[in-house]
Amino acid sequence: PPDVITFAGNGEPTLHPDFEAIIDDTLALRNRHCPTAKVSVLSNATQIGREDVRRALLRVDNNLLKLDSAFDETVRLINNPAGNYTVARTVELMKLFEGRLIVQTMFLRGMCNGRRVDNTTEREVAAWLDLVREIAPRQVMVYSLDRDTPCPTLEKVPKEELQAIARRVEQAGIPCTAA
């Protein structure tokens, strides 16, 4: 049997209009056929304003929600979110999970569309860490690029830098992994 059943991929799983029902069906099937398997959802957190999405995410074992910067401008450069995305609103919605979430952050730097992007600066990391403390997740995962991006000039952050960021999160009393 599988160890984990993960919703992820090339797109945002919570965009599906029947996401909550899909999670309910998945949990029922998991409970019947492989009760030791965990159910995980990797999400960019853009849909957590929907109550049905929050309810579904709170029922899975691991909901991993993205927060790549404390600054709207940096998030727009890294993630290019559609609609009226703001970091402040996302943080307020993440706080509704009352610690029952994992914050996932990708650190990178380089040039994209003629603009410099770097969420590893002291200003970026300190502001992000303040938000992580405010959200108070059960865990944080930090990582860097692992595959090709639309901007080939973006750079992967060395593991040592990721580990230094992870130590700062752990000093705040939140478990953190660096990959």
N, C-alpha and C. Protein backbone atom coordinates (compact mmCIF):
# COMPACT_ATOMS: atom_id res chain seq x y z
N PRO A 1 0.83 -1.21 0.00
CA PRO A 1 0.00 0.00 0.00
C PRO A 1 0.87 1.26 0.00
N PRO A 2 0.34 2.35 -0.49
CA PRO A 2 1.12 3.59 -0.51
C PRO A 2 1.34 4.14 0.90
N ASP A 3 2.45 4.85 1.06
CA ASP A 3 2.71 5.57 2.31
C ASP A 3 1.93 6.88 2.35
N VAL A 4 1.86 7.54 1.17
CA VAL A 4 1.22 8.85 1.07
C VAL A 4 0.45 8.94 -0.24
N ILE A 5 -0.71 9.54 -0.17
CA ILE A 5 -1.50 9.88 -1.35
C ILE A 5 -1.44 11.40 -1.44
N THR A 6 -0.80 11.90 -2.50
CA THR A 6 -0.53 13.33 -2.60
C THR A 6 -1.25 13.96 -3.77
N PHE A 7 -1.92 15.07 -3.50
CA PHE A 7 -2.52 15.90 -4.54
C PHE A 7 -1.52 17.00 -4.85
N ALA A 8 -1.04 17.03 -6.09
CA ALA A 8 -0.04 18.00 -6.50
C ALA A 8 -0.09 18.08 -8.02
N GLY A 9 1.06 18.36 -8.61
CA GLY A 9 1.17 18.27 -10.05
C GLY A 9 1.29 19.60 -10.73
N ASN A 10 0.97 19.59 -11.99
CA ASN A 10 1.11 20.75 -12.84
C ASN A 10 -0.17 21.57 -12.79
N GLY A 11 -0.40 22.21 -11.69
CA GLY A 11 -1.62 22.98 -11.49
C GLY A 11 -1.97 23.01 -10.02
N GLU A 12 -3.01 23.72 -9.70
CA GLU A 12 -3.43 23.88 -8.31
C GLU A 12 -4.61 22.97 -8.02
N PRO A 13 -4.42 21.94 -7.18
CA PRO A 13 -5.51 20.99 -6.94
C PRO A 13 -6.75 21.61 -6.31
N THR A 14 -6.60 22.66 -5.52
CA THR A 14 -7.76 23.24 -4.84
C THR A 14 -8.65 24.07 -5.78
N LEU A 15 -8.22 24.25 -7.02
CA LEU A 15 -9.06 24.96 -7.99
C LEU A 15 -10.26 24.13 -8.44
N HIS A 16 -10.19 22.82 -8.29
CA HIS A 16 -11.28 21.98 -8.75
C HIS A 16 -12.55 22.36 -7.99
N PRO A 17 -13.67 22.57 -8.69
CA PRO A 17 -14.90 22.99 -8.00
C PRO A 17 -15.43 21.95 -7.00
N ASP A 18 -15.06 20.69 -7.16
CA ASP A 18 -15.49 19.64 -6.25
C ASP A 18 -14.36 19.15 -5.36
N PHE A 19 -13.40 20.03 -5.07
CA PHE A 19 -12.23 19.63 -4.29
C PHE A 19 -12.61 18.99 -2.97
N GLU A 20 -13.54 19.59 -2.25
CA GLU A 20 -13.91 19.05 -0.94
C GLU A 20 -14.48 17.63 -1.07
N ALA A 21 -15.34 17.39 -2.05
CA ALA A 21 -15.91 16.05 -2.26
C ALA A 21 -14.82 15.06 -2.67
N ILE A 22 -13.88 15.51 -3.46
CA ILE A 22 -12.77 14.64 -3.87
C ILE A 22 -11.95 14.23 -2.66
N ILE A 23 -11.69 15.17 -1.77
CA ILE A 23 -10.95 14.84 -0.53
C ILE A 23 -11.77 13.88 0.31
N ASP A 24 -13.07 14.11 0.46
CA ASP A 24 -13.91 13.20 1.24
C ASP A 24 -13.86 11.79 0.67
N ASP A 25 -13.98 11.67 -0.66
CA ASP A 25 -13.92 10.35 -1.30
C ASP A 25 -12.55 9.70 -1.10
N THR A 26 -11.51 10.50 -1.23
CA THR A 26 -10.15 9.98 -1.05
C THR A 26 -9.94 9.46 0.37
N LEU A 27 -10.41 10.22 1.34
CA LEU A 27 -10.26 9.79 2.73
C LEU A 27 -11.05 8.50 3.00
N ALA A 28 -12.25 8.40 2.44
CA ALA A 28 -13.05 7.19 2.63
C ALA A 28 -12.36 5.97 1.99
N LEU A 29 -11.85 6.15 0.78
CA LEU A 29 -11.14 5.05 0.11
C LEU A 29 -9.86 4.69 0.85
N ARG A 30 -9.13 5.71 1.29
CA ARG A 30 -7.92 5.45 2.07
C ARG A 30 -8.26 4.67 3.33
N ASN A 31 -9.27 5.09 4.05
CA ASN A 31 -9.65 4.43 5.29
C ASN A 31 -10.05 2.97 5.05
N ARG A 32 -10.67 2.70 3.92
CA ARG A 32 -11.12 1.36 3.59
C ARG A 32 -9.96 0.46 3.11
N HIS A 33 -9.08 1.01 2.27
CA HIS A 33 -8.10 0.17 1.58
C HIS A 33 -6.66 0.27 2.09
N CYS A 34 -6.27 1.40 2.61
CA CYS A 34 -4.89 1.56 3.12
C CYS A 34 -4.88 2.59 4.24
N PRO A 35 -5.44 2.21 5.39
CA PRO A 35 -5.65 3.18 6.47
C PRO A 35 -4.38 3.79 7.05
N THR A 36 -3.22 3.22 6.79
CA THR A 36 -2.00 3.81 7.33
C THR A 36 -1.42 4.89 6.41
N ALA A 37 -1.94 5.01 5.21
CA ALA A 37 -1.44 6.02 4.27
C ALA A 37 -1.87 7.41 4.71
N LYS A 38 -0.99 8.36 4.53
CA LYS A 38 -1.30 9.76 4.80
C LYS A 38 -1.85 10.39 3.52
N VAL A 39 -2.69 11.40 3.67
CA VAL A 39 -3.18 12.16 2.53
C VAL A 39 -2.58 13.56 2.63
N SER A 40 -1.91 13.99 1.57
CA SER A 40 -1.25 15.29 1.53
C SER A 40 -1.76 16.10 0.35
N VAL A 41 -1.79 17.41 0.52
CA VAL A 41 -2.14 18.33 -0.56
C VAL A 41 -1.07 19.41 -0.62
N LEU A 42 -0.46 19.55 -1.79
CA LEU A 42 0.49 20.64 -2.04
C LEU A 42 -0.30 21.76 -2.72
N SER A 43 -0.35 22.93 -2.07
CA SER A 43 -1.18 24.01 -2.58
C SER A 43 -0.42 25.33 -2.60
N ASN A 44 -0.75 26.17 -3.58
CA ASN A 44 -0.16 27.50 -3.63
C ASN A 44 -0.89 28.47 -2.70
N ALA A 45 -1.91 28.01 -2.02
CA ALA A 45 -2.67 28.76 -1.01
C ALA A 45 -3.55 29.86 -1.59
N THR A 46 -3.73 29.91 -2.89
CA THR A 46 -4.54 30.98 -3.48
C THR A 46 -6.03 30.75 -3.28
N GLN A 47 -6.44 29.53 -2.94
CA GLN A 47 -7.86 29.23 -2.80
C GLN A 47 -8.30 29.06 -1.34
N ILE A 48 -7.42 29.34 -0.38
CA ILE A 48 -7.79 29.10 1.02
C ILE A 48 -8.80 30.11 1.55
N GLY A 49 -9.17 31.08 0.75
CA GLY A 49 -10.26 31.98 1.10
C GLY A 49 -11.61 31.31 0.95
N ARG A 50 -11.66 30.20 0.23
CA ARG A 50 -12.90 29.42 0.08
C ARG A 50 -13.07 28.52 1.29
N GLU A 51 -14.19 28.64 1.96
CA GLU A 51 -14.43 27.86 3.17
C GLU A 51 -14.39 26.35 2.88
N ASP A 52 -14.93 25.92 1.73
CA ASP A 52 -14.93 24.49 1.41
C ASP A 52 -13.50 23.97 1.24
N VAL A 53 -12.63 24.77 0.69
CA VAL A 53 -11.23 24.37 0.53
C VAL A 53 -10.56 24.27 1.90
N ARG A 54 -10.79 25.25 2.76
CA ARG A 54 -10.20 25.18 4.11
C ARG A 54 -10.70 23.96 4.87
N ARG A 55 -12.00 23.69 4.79
CA ARG A 55 -12.54 22.51 5.48
C ARG A 55 -11.86 21.24 4.99
N ALA A 56 -11.71 21.12 3.68
CA ALA A 56 -11.09 19.92 3.10
C ALA A 56 -9.62 19.82 3.53
N LEU A 57 -8.90 20.93 3.47
CA LEU A 57 -7.49 20.91 3.84
C LEU A 57 -7.30 20.55 5.31
N LEU A 58 -8.23 20.95 6.14
CA LEU A 58 -8.13 20.62 7.56
C LEU A 58 -8.40 19.13 7.84
N ARG A 59 -8.97 18.42 6.87
CA ARG A 59 -9.24 17.00 7.06
C ARG A 59 -8.09 16.10 6.59
N VAL A 60 -7.19 16.63 5.77
CA VAL A 60 -6.09 15.80 5.31
C VAL A 60 -4.98 15.78 6.35
N ASP A 61 -4.08 14.82 6.21
CA ASP A 61 -2.99 14.68 7.18
C ASP A 61 -1.96 15.80 7.04
N ASN A 62 -1.68 16.17 5.81
CA ASN A 62 -0.64 17.18 5.55
C ASN A 62 -1.14 18.16 4.50
N ASN A 63 -1.41 19.39 4.90
CA ASN A 63 -1.69 20.43 3.91
C ASN A 63 -0.48 21.35 3.89
N LEU A 64 0.15 21.39 2.74
CA LEU A 64 1.37 22.18 2.56
C LEU A 64 1.01 23.41 1.75
N LEU A 65 1.09 24.57 2.39
CA LEU A 65 0.67 25.82 1.78
C LEU A 65 1.87 26.73 1.52
N LYS A 66 1.92 27.27 0.31
CA LYS A 66 3.06 28.08 -0.12
C LYS A 66 3.01 29.51 0.43
N LEU A 67 4.18 29.98 0.84
CA LEU A 67 4.39 31.38 1.19
C LEU A 67 5.85 31.68 0.84
N ASP A 68 6.07 32.21 -0.36
CA ASP A 68 7.44 32.38 -0.86
C ASP A 68 8.07 33.72 -0.52
N SER A 69 7.31 34.64 0.05
CA SER A 69 7.88 35.94 0.44
C SER A 69 6.88 36.67 1.32
N ALA A 70 7.38 37.63 2.06
CA ALA A 70 6.52 38.50 2.86
C ALA A 70 6.07 39.71 2.06
N PHE A 71 6.55 39.85 0.83
CA PHE A 71 6.29 41.04 0.03
C PHE A 71 5.52 40.69 -1.23
N ASP A 72 4.44 41.41 -1.47
CA ASP A 72 3.60 41.17 -2.65
C ASP A 72 4.41 41.23 -3.95
N GLU A 73 5.29 42.21 -4.05
CA GLU A 73 6.07 42.37 -5.29
C GLU A 73 6.93 41.14 -5.57
N THR A 74 7.54 40.59 -4.53
CA THR A 74 8.37 39.41 -4.71
C THR A 74 7.52 38.20 -5.08
N VAL A 75 6.37 38.05 -4.43
CA VAL A 75 5.48 36.94 -4.77
C VAL A 75 5.03 37.04 -6.23
N ARG A 76 4.74 38.26 -6.67
CA ARG A 76 4.34 38.42 -8.08
C ARG A 76 5.46 38.01 -9.03
N LEU A 77 6.71 38.32 -8.67
CA LEU A 77 7.83 37.92 -9.52
C LEU A 77 8.04 36.41 -9.52
N ILE A 78 7.91 35.78 -8.35
CA ILE A 78 8.19 34.35 -8.24
C ILE A 78 7.03 33.51 -8.74
N ASN A 79 5.80 33.84 -8.30
CA ASN A 79 4.65 32.98 -8.54
C ASN A 79 3.66 33.48 -9.57
N ASN A 80 3.68 34.77 -9.85
CA ASN A 80 2.74 35.36 -10.81
C ASN A 80 1.29 34.95 -10.50
N PRO A 81 0.81 35.19 -9.27
CA PRO A 81 -0.54 34.78 -8.93
C PRO A 81 -1.59 35.57 -9.70
N ALA A 82 -2.69 34.90 -10.04
CA ALA A 82 -3.79 35.56 -10.72
C ALA A 82 -4.69 36.24 -9.70
N GLY A 83 -5.42 37.23 -10.14
CA GLY A 83 -6.42 37.84 -9.28
C GLY A 83 -5.84 38.83 -8.30
N ASN A 84 -6.53 38.96 -7.17
CA ASN A 84 -6.20 39.97 -6.17
C ASN A 84 -5.38 39.40 -5.03
N TYR A 85 -4.41 38.59 -5.31
CA TYR A 85 -3.58 37.98 -4.28
C TYR A 85 -2.82 39.03 -3.49
N THR A 86 -2.83 38.90 -2.15
CA THR A 86 -1.95 39.70 -1.31
C THR A 86 -1.37 38.78 -0.24
N VAL A 87 -0.16 39.06 0.16
CA VAL A 87 0.47 38.29 1.23
C VAL A 87 -0.31 38.48 2.52
N ALA A 88 -0.71 39.71 2.82
CA ALA A 88 -1.43 39.98 4.08
C ALA A 88 -2.69 39.13 4.18
N ARG A 89 -3.46 39.06 3.13
CA ARG A 89 -4.70 38.25 3.14
C ARG A 89 -4.36 36.77 3.28
N THR A 90 -3.36 36.31 2.59
CA THR A 90 -2.96 34.90 2.67
C THR A 90 -2.54 34.55 4.09
N VAL A 91 -1.77 35.41 4.72
CA VAL A 91 -1.34 35.17 6.10
C VAL A 91 -2.55 35.11 7.04
N GLU A 92 -3.49 36.04 6.88
CA GLU A 92 -4.69 36.02 7.73
C GLU A 92 -5.45 34.71 7.55
N LEU A 93 -5.56 34.23 6.33
CA LEU A 93 -6.26 32.97 6.07
C LEU A 93 -5.47 31.78 6.62
N MET A 94 -4.15 31.82 6.52
CA MET A 94 -3.33 30.74 7.08
C MET A 94 -3.49 30.66 8.60
N LYS A 95 -3.67 31.80 9.23
CA LYS A 95 -3.85 31.81 10.68
C LYS A 95 -5.15 31.11 11.09
N LEU A 96 -6.13 31.05 10.19
CA LEU A 96 -7.37 30.34 10.48
C LEU A 96 -7.16 28.84 10.67
N PHE A 97 -6.04 28.32 10.18
CA PHE A 97 -5.74 26.90 10.33
C PHE A 97 -5.26 26.57 11.75
N GLU A 98 -5.01 27.59 12.55
CA GLU A 98 -4.60 27.43 13.94
C GLU A 98 -3.46 26.42 14.11
N GLY A 99 -2.45 26.58 13.26
CA GLY A 99 -1.26 25.73 13.36
C GLY A 99 -1.34 24.41 12.63
N ARG A 100 -2.50 24.06 12.10
CA ARG A 100 -2.66 22.76 11.43
C ARG A 100 -2.36 22.89 9.94
N LEU A 101 -1.12 23.29 9.65
CA LEU A 101 -0.64 23.43 8.28
C LEU A 101 0.87 23.37 8.28
N ILE A 102 1.41 23.12 7.11
CA ILE A 102 2.85 23.16 6.89
C ILE A 102 3.09 24.29 5.88
N VAL A 103 3.92 25.24 6.24
CA VAL A 103 4.28 26.31 5.30
C VAL A 103 5.46 25.83 4.48
N GLN A 104 5.33 25.98 3.18
CA GLN A 104 6.39 25.56 2.25
C GLN A 104 6.87 26.80 1.50
N THR A 105 8.20 27.00 1.50
CA THR A 105 8.77 28.20 0.87
C THR A 105 9.93 27.82 -0.04
N MET A 106 9.89 28.35 -1.26
CA MET A 106 10.97 28.15 -2.22
C MET A 106 11.83 29.41 -2.24
N PHE A 107 13.11 29.23 -1.95
CA PHE A 107 14.06 30.34 -2.00
C PHE A 107 14.83 30.27 -3.30
N LEU A 108 15.01 31.43 -3.94
CA LEU A 108 15.73 31.50 -5.21
C LEU A 108 16.23 32.91 -5.43
N ARG A 109 17.05 33.06 -6.44
CA ARG A 109 17.51 34.39 -6.83
C ARG A 109 17.94 34.36 -8.28
N GLY A 110 18.04 35.55 -8.87
CA GLY A 110 18.44 35.64 -10.26
C GLY A 110 17.63 36.70 -10.98
N MET A 111 17.62 36.60 -12.28
CA MET A 111 16.89 37.55 -13.12
C MET A 111 15.70 36.84 -13.76
N CYS A 112 14.58 37.56 -13.82
CA CYS A 112 13.41 37.04 -14.49
C CYS A 112 12.69 38.20 -15.16
N ASN A 113 12.51 38.08 -16.47
CA ASN A 113 11.85 39.14 -17.25
C ASN A 113 12.51 40.49 -17.03
N GLY A 114 13.84 40.49 -16.97
CA GLY A 114 14.59 41.72 -16.83
C GLY A 114 14.59 42.31 -15.43
N ARG A 115 14.06 41.58 -14.46
CA ARG A 115 13.99 42.08 -13.08
C ARG A 115 14.73 41.14 -12.16
N ARG A 116 15.41 41.72 -11.19
CA ARG A 116 16.13 40.93 -10.18
C ARG A 116 15.14 40.41 -9.16
N VAL A 117 15.26 39.14 -8.83
CA VAL A 117 14.44 38.54 -7.78
C VAL A 117 15.39 37.81 -6.83
N ASP A 118 15.17 38.02 -5.53
CA ASP A 118 16.03 37.36 -4.54
C ASP A 118 15.30 37.39 -3.19
N ASN A 119 14.72 36.26 -2.81
CA ASN A 119 14.03 36.22 -1.52
C ASN A 119 14.93 35.64 -0.43
N THR A 120 16.26 35.69 -0.66
CA THR A 120 17.22 35.22 0.34
C THR A 120 17.94 36.36 1.05
N THR A 121 17.60 37.61 0.72
CA THR A 121 18.26 38.74 1.38
C THR A 121 17.82 38.79 2.84
N GLU A 122 18.57 39.50 3.66
CA GLU A 122 18.21 39.62 5.08
C GLU A 122 16.83 40.27 5.23
N ARG A 123 16.56 41.28 4.44
CA ARG A 123 15.24 41.94 4.50
C ARG A 123 14.14 40.94 4.20
N GLU A 124 14.29 40.16 3.17
CA GLU A 124 13.27 39.18 2.78
C GLU A 124 13.11 38.10 3.86
N VAL A 125 14.22 37.50 4.28
CA VAL A 125 14.15 36.39 5.23
C VAL A 125 13.59 36.86 6.57
N ALA A 126 14.02 38.02 7.05
CA ALA A 126 13.53 38.53 8.34
C ALA A 126 12.03 38.80 8.30
N ALA A 127 11.55 39.41 7.23
CA ALA A 127 10.11 39.70 7.11
C ALA A 127 9.31 38.41 6.96
N TRP A 128 9.82 37.47 6.18
CA TRP A 128 9.17 36.17 6.01
C TRP A 128 9.10 35.44 7.34
N LEU A 129 10.20 35.45 8.08
CA LEU A 129 10.24 34.77 9.38
C LEU A 129 9.23 35.38 10.35
N ASP A 130 9.05 36.70 10.33
CA ASP A 130 8.03 37.34 11.16
C ASP A 130 6.65 36.78 10.84
N LEU A 131 6.37 36.61 9.55
CA LEU A 131 5.06 36.07 9.15
C LEU A 131 4.93 34.60 9.55
N VAL A 132 5.99 33.84 9.43
CA VAL A 132 5.96 32.44 9.85
C VAL A 132 5.64 32.35 11.34
N ARG A 133 6.25 33.19 12.13
CA ARG A 133 5.95 33.21 13.57
C ARG A 133 4.48 33.54 13.81
N GLU A 134 3.96 34.49 13.05
CA GLU A 134 2.56 34.90 13.18
C GLU A 134 1.61 33.76 12.80
N ILE A 135 1.92 33.05 11.75
CA ILE A 135 1.09 31.93 11.29
C ILE A 135 1.18 30.76 12.26
N ALA A 136 2.36 30.54 12.83
CA ALA A 136 2.61 29.45 13.78
C ALA A 136 2.21 28.08 13.24
N PRO A 137 2.79 27.69 12.09
CA PRO A 137 2.46 26.38 11.53
C PRO A 137 3.09 25.26 12.35
N ARG A 138 2.64 24.04 12.11
CA ARG A 138 3.24 22.91 12.84
C ARG A 138 4.62 22.58 12.29
N GLN A 139 4.89 23.03 11.06
CA GLN A 139 6.19 22.76 10.44
C GLN A 139 6.40 23.73 9.28
N VAL A 140 7.66 23.95 8.93
CA VAL A 140 8.03 24.72 7.74
C VAL A 140 8.98 23.87 6.91
N MET A 141 8.82 23.96 5.60
CA MET A 141 9.73 23.29 4.67
C MET A 141 10.32 24.35 3.75
N VAL A 142 11.65 24.44 3.71
CA VAL A 142 12.31 25.36 2.80
C VAL A 142 13.07 24.55 1.77
N TYR A 143 13.06 25.05 0.55
CA TYR A 143 13.72 24.35 -0.55
C TYR A 143 14.09 25.36 -1.61
N SER A 144 14.74 24.89 -2.66
CA SER A 144 15.08 25.76 -3.77
C SER A 144 14.67 25.10 -5.07
N LEU A 145 15.07 25.68 -6.16
CA LEU A 145 14.70 25.16 -7.48
C LEU A 145 15.16 23.72 -7.63
N ASP A 146 14.31 22.94 -8.29
CA ASP A 146 14.64 21.53 -8.51
C ASP A 146 14.41 21.12 -9.95
N ARG A 147 13.84 22.01 -10.74
CA ARG A 147 13.57 21.70 -12.15
C ARG A 147 13.65 22.99 -12.96
N ASP A 148 13.55 22.85 -14.27
CA ASP A 148 13.61 24.02 -15.14
C ASP A 148 12.48 25.00 -14.82
N THR A 149 12.78 26.27 -15.01
CA THR A 149 11.80 27.33 -14.75
C THR A 149 11.58 28.12 -16.04
N PRO A 150 10.52 28.92 -16.08
CA PRO A 150 10.31 29.78 -17.25
C PRO A 150 11.43 30.80 -17.44
N CYS A 151 12.18 31.09 -16.37
CA CYS A 151 13.30 32.03 -16.43
C CYS A 151 14.59 31.24 -16.19
N PRO A 152 15.33 30.90 -17.25
CA PRO A 152 16.53 30.07 -17.09
C PRO A 152 17.66 30.73 -16.32
N THR A 153 17.56 32.03 -16.03
CA THR A 153 18.61 32.73 -15.29
C THR A 153 18.39 32.70 -13.78
N LEU A 154 17.33 32.05 -13.32
CA LEU A 154 17.13 31.90 -11.88
C LEU A 154 18.11 30.88 -11.34
N GLU A 155 18.57 31.11 -10.11
CA GLU A 155 19.61 30.27 -9.51
C GLU A 155 19.08 29.49 -8.32
N LYS A 156 19.56 28.26 -8.20
CA LYS A 156 19.25 27.44 -7.04
C LYS A 156 20.07 27.95 -5.85
N VAL A 157 19.43 28.01 -4.68
CA VAL A 157 20.10 28.45 -3.46
C VAL A 157 20.82 27.25 -2.86
N PRO A 158 22.10 27.40 -2.51
CA PRO A 158 22.85 26.27 -1.93
C PRO A 158 22.21 25.74 -0.64
N LYS A 159 22.36 24.46 -0.43
CA LYS A 159 21.77 23.78 0.73
C LYS A 159 22.22 24.43 2.04
N GLU A 160 23.47 24.89 2.11
CA GLU A 160 23.97 25.52 3.34
C GLU A 160 23.15 26.77 3.69
N GLU A 161 22.79 27.55 2.70
CA GLU A 161 21.96 28.74 2.95
C GLU A 161 20.57 28.35 3.40
N LEU A 162 20.01 27.32 2.78
CA LEU A 162 18.70 26.83 3.20
C LEU A 162 18.74 26.33 4.64
N GLN A 163 19.81 25.64 4.98
CA GLN A 163 19.94 25.14 6.35
C GLN A 163 20.06 26.29 7.35
N ALA A 164 20.73 27.36 6.97
CA ALA A 164 20.84 28.53 7.85
C ALA A 164 19.47 29.17 8.07
N ILE A 165 18.65 29.24 7.02
CA ILE A 165 17.29 29.77 7.15
C ILE A 165 16.48 28.84 8.05
N ALA A 166 16.63 27.53 7.83
CA ALA A 166 15.89 26.54 8.64
C ALA A 166 16.25 26.67 10.13
N ARG A 167 17.52 26.92 10.43
CA ARG A 167 17.92 27.10 11.84
C ARG A 167 17.21 28.29 12.47
N ARG A 168 17.04 29.36 11.70
CA ARG A 168 16.34 30.54 12.22
C ARG A 168 14.87 30.21 12.52
N VAL A 169 14.26 29.40 11.68
CA VAL A 169 12.88 28.98 11.92
C VAL A 169 12.83 28.13 13.19
N GLU A 170 13.77 27.21 13.32
CA GLU A 170 13.80 26.34 14.50
C GLU A 170 14.06 27.14 15.77
N GLN A 171 14.87 28.19 15.68
CA GLN A 171 15.11 29.05 16.84
C GLN A 171 13.82 29.77 17.27
N ALA A 172 12.88 29.89 16.33
CA ALA A 172 11.58 30.49 16.65
C ALA A 172 10.63 29.44 17.23
N GLY A 173 11.12 28.21 17.38
CA GLY A 173 10.32 27.16 17.99
C GLY A 173 9.44 26.37 17.04
N ILE A 174 9.75 26.46 15.75
CA ILE A 174 8.95 25.77 14.73
C ILE A 174 9.85 24.77 14.02
N PRO A 175 9.47 23.49 13.97
CA PRO A 175 10.28 22.51 13.24
C PRO A 175 10.39 22.90 11.77
N CYS A 176 11.58 22.68 11.20
CA CYS A 176 11.82 23.08 9.82
C CYS A 176 12.77 22.09 9.14
N THR A 177 12.45 21.78 7.89
CA THR A 177 13.34 20.95 7.07
C THR A 177 13.83 21.78 5.90
N ALA A 178 15.05 21.49 5.48
CA ALA A 178 15.65 22.15 4.32
C ALA A 178 16.03 21.09 3.31
N ALA A 179 15.52 21.23 2.10
CA ALA A 179 15.82 20.22 1.07
C ALA A 179 16.45 20.87 -0.15
